[in-house]
Amino acid sequence: MTLEELTHVFDHLTQIGCWLGIFWPDGDYTWIGVQARIENTRVADDGAAVWVTLWSVGYQEGWQYVHTVKVVRWSSDDAPLEIDLVDEMGRQLHLEAIEPYTEPNEAAVWQEWQVYHRREQALFAQIDATLREEHRQIAATWPEE
């Protein structure tokens, strides 16, 4: 999958709604929750890595809802509905489109978020600009090796 295809998957999942879970190298699993947005923040000079910023629903509540990770490998058996990203620490970040019939709680969270986000456009314009700049700086200063 090319970087352009990866970006397309992120855009699609951001548009339709998705959730994130992390599989840790020791076998543990952590449910992170519904994502508001997924963005490519930086690409390594050699294209071997990409820094991805994950914005969880509720990020207006604080910085702890937004994370930038250095992704060294990505794959998908079902793009653009799901994708697996592997970060530099070996964690597998699994992003998957919300299935409204089997995941009604996640679908409800996504729908409520969409309404709230549209209603509070001025608030989010300011929050997004600040957090986006912070995470661009995080990615820009992260070593490529």
Protein backbone atom coordinates (compact mmCIF):
# COMPACT_ATOMS: atom_id res chain seq x y z
CA MET A 1 0.00 0.00 0.00
CA THR A 2 1.44 3.34 -1.03
CA LEU A 3 1.50 6.49 1.08
CA GLU A 4 -1.19 7.95 -1.19
CA GLU A 5 -3.40 4.90 -0.56
CA LEU A 6 -2.72 5.15 3.17
CA THR A 7 -3.86 8.77 3.14
CA HIS A 8 -7.01 7.74 1.23
CA VAL A 9 -7.82 5.13 3.90
CA PHE A 10 -7.33 7.71 6.68
CA ASP A 11 -9.58 10.19 4.89
CA HIS A 12 -12.25 7.54 4.32
CA LEU A 13 -12.20 6.31 7.94
CA THR A 14 -12.33 9.91 9.18
CA GLN A 15 -15.36 10.58 7.01
CA ILE A 16 -17.38 7.46 7.92
CA GLY A 17 -16.21 6.96 11.52
CA CYS A 18 -13.87 4.38 13.00
CA TRP A 19 -12.50 3.05 16.25
CA LEU A 20 -8.95 2.29 17.42
CA GLY A 21 -7.53 -0.59 19.39
CA ILE A 22 -3.89 -1.36 20.21
CA PHE A 23 -2.31 -4.81 20.26
CA TRP A 24 0.82 -4.64 22.41
CA PRO A 25 3.96 -6.70 21.68
CA ASP A 26 3.32 -8.78 24.84
CA GLY A 27 -0.13 -9.81 23.53
CA ASP A 28 -2.25 -7.40 25.57
CA TYR A 29 -5.00 -5.38 23.91
CA THR A 30 -6.21 -1.87 24.74
CA TRP A 31 -9.44 -0.40 23.40
CA ILE A 32 -8.86 3.31 22.68
CA GLY A 33 -12.23 4.26 21.22
CA VAL A 34 -13.89 6.18 18.44
CA GLN A 35 -11.58 8.43 16.43
CA ALA A 36 -12.53 11.92 15.32
CA ARG A 37 -9.73 12.21 12.78
CA ILE A 38 -6.59 10.49 11.48
CA GLU A 39 -3.91 12.55 9.76
CA ASN A 40 -0.52 12.05 8.17
CA THR A 41 1.65 14.58 9.97
CA ARG A 42 5.10 13.88 8.49
CA VAL A 43 6.77 11.50 6.07
CA ALA A 44 10.39 10.38 6.52
CA ASP A 45 12.80 11.62 3.86
CA ASP A 46 13.24 8.06 2.58
CA GLY A 47 9.49 7.30 2.85
CA ALA A 48 10.14 4.40 5.22
CA ALA A 49 8.11 5.91 8.07
CA VAL A 50 5.16 8.21 8.51
CA TRP A 51 4.07 10.11 11.59
CA VAL A 52 0.34 9.78 12.15
CA THR A 53 -1.76 11.91 14.47
CA LEU A 54 -4.81 10.20 15.98
CA TRP A 55 -7.55 12.46 17.31
CA SER A 56 -9.95 10.61 19.64
CA VAL A 57 -13.52 11.79 20.02
CA GLY A 58 -13.55 14.14 22.99
CA TYR A 59 -10.21 15.79 22.19
CA GLN A 60 -11.66 19.18 23.14
CA GLU A 61 -11.33 17.96 26.74
CA GLY A 62 -7.53 17.93 26.61
CA TRP A 63 -4.26 17.05 24.96
CA GLN A 64 -4.39 13.46 26.23
CA TYR A 65 -6.95 12.63 23.50
CA VAL A 66 -4.51 13.38 20.65
CA HIS A 67 -1.46 11.21 19.93
CA THR A 68 1.21 11.22 17.27
CA VAL A 69 2.96 7.94 16.54
CA LYS A 70 5.80 7.00 14.22
CA VAL A 71 4.48 4.28 11.92
CA VAL A 72 7.09 2.03 10.35
CA ARG A 73 4.76 -0.45 8.64
CA TRP A 74 1.14 -0.55 7.53
CA SER A 75 -1.10 -3.09 5.88
CA SER A 76 -4.72 -3.80 5.14
CA ASP A 77 -6.68 -6.83 4.05
CA ASP A 78 -9.85 -4.76 3.77
CA ALA A 79 -8.96 -1.19 2.78
CA PRO A 80 -10.53 1.31 3.09
CA LEU A 81 -12.59 -0.19 5.93
CA GLU A 82 -9.71 -1.19 8.19
CA ILE A 83 -5.96 -0.82 8.47
CA ASP A 84 -3.18 -1.98 10.74
CA LEU A 85 -0.32 0.36 11.60
CA VAL A 86 2.82 -0.81 13.39
CA ASP A 87 4.73 1.81 15.31
CA GLU A 88 8.44 1.93 16.11
CA MET A 89 7.83 0.15 19.44
CA GLY A 90 6.12 -2.82 17.78
CA ARG A 91 2.58 -1.91 18.80
CA GLN A 92 -0.11 -2.72 16.24
CA LEU A 93 -2.71 0.02 15.99
CA HIS A 94 -5.87 -1.39 14.45
CA LEU A 95 -8.29 1.12 12.92
CA GLU A 96 -11.65 -0.18 11.74
CA ALA A 97 -14.77 1.42 10.31
CA ILE A 98 -17.73 1.47 12.67
CA GLU A 99 -20.35 -1.11 11.75
CA PRO A 100 -23.64 0.46 12.93
CA TYR A 101 -25.55 -2.83 13.21
CA THR A 102 -22.97 -4.69 15.27
CA GLU A 103 -21.44 -1.67 17.04
CA PRO A 104 -24.43 0.49 17.93
CA ASN A 105 -22.70 2.19 20.87
CA GLU A 106 -19.77 3.31 18.73
CA ALA A 107 -22.17 4.42 15.98
CA ALA A 108 -24.09 6.53 18.51
CA VAL A 109 -20.89 8.12 19.82
CA TRP A 110 -19.86 8.92 16.23
CA GLN A 111 -23.22 10.47 15.36
CA GLU A 112 -23.31 12.57 18.54
CA TRP A 113 -19.75 13.71 17.88
CA GLN A 114 -20.60 14.81 14.33
CA VAL A 115 -23.51 16.94 15.56
CA TYR A 116 -21.45 18.47 18.38
CA HIS A 117 -18.44 19.15 16.15
CA ARG A 118 -20.60 20.93 13.54
CA ARG A 119 -22.42 22.95 16.20
CA GLU A 120 -19.16 24.10 17.83
CA GLN A 121 -17.20 25.01 14.69
CA ALA A 122 -15.66 28.17 16.16
CA LEU A 123 -14.43 26.34 19.26
CA PHE A 124 -12.92 23.55 17.17
CA ALA A 125 -11.24 25.92 14.73
CA GLN A 126 -9.15 27.26 17.61
CA ILE A 127 -8.54 23.90 19.30
CA ASP A 128 -7.64 22.20 16.00
CA ALA A 129 -5.15 24.92 15.01
CA THR A 130 -3.38 24.76 18.37
CA LEU A 131 -3.23 20.96 18.61
CA ARG A 132 -2.30 20.52 14.94
CA GLU A 133 0.69 22.86 15.37
CA GLU A 134 1.78 21.07 18.57
CA HIS A 135 1.67 17.70 16.84
CA ARG A 136 3.47 18.98 13.75
CA GLN A 137 6.24 20.08 16.10
CA ILE A 138 6.27 16.70 17.82
CA ALA A 139 6.59 14.94 14.47
CA ALA A 140 9.16 17.42 13.12
CA THR A 141 11.51 16.89 16.07
CA TRP A 142 11.10 13.10 16.23
CA PRO A 143 14.26 11.36 14.95
CA GLU A 144 13.93 9.38 11.75
CA GLU A 145 16.04 6.49 13.07
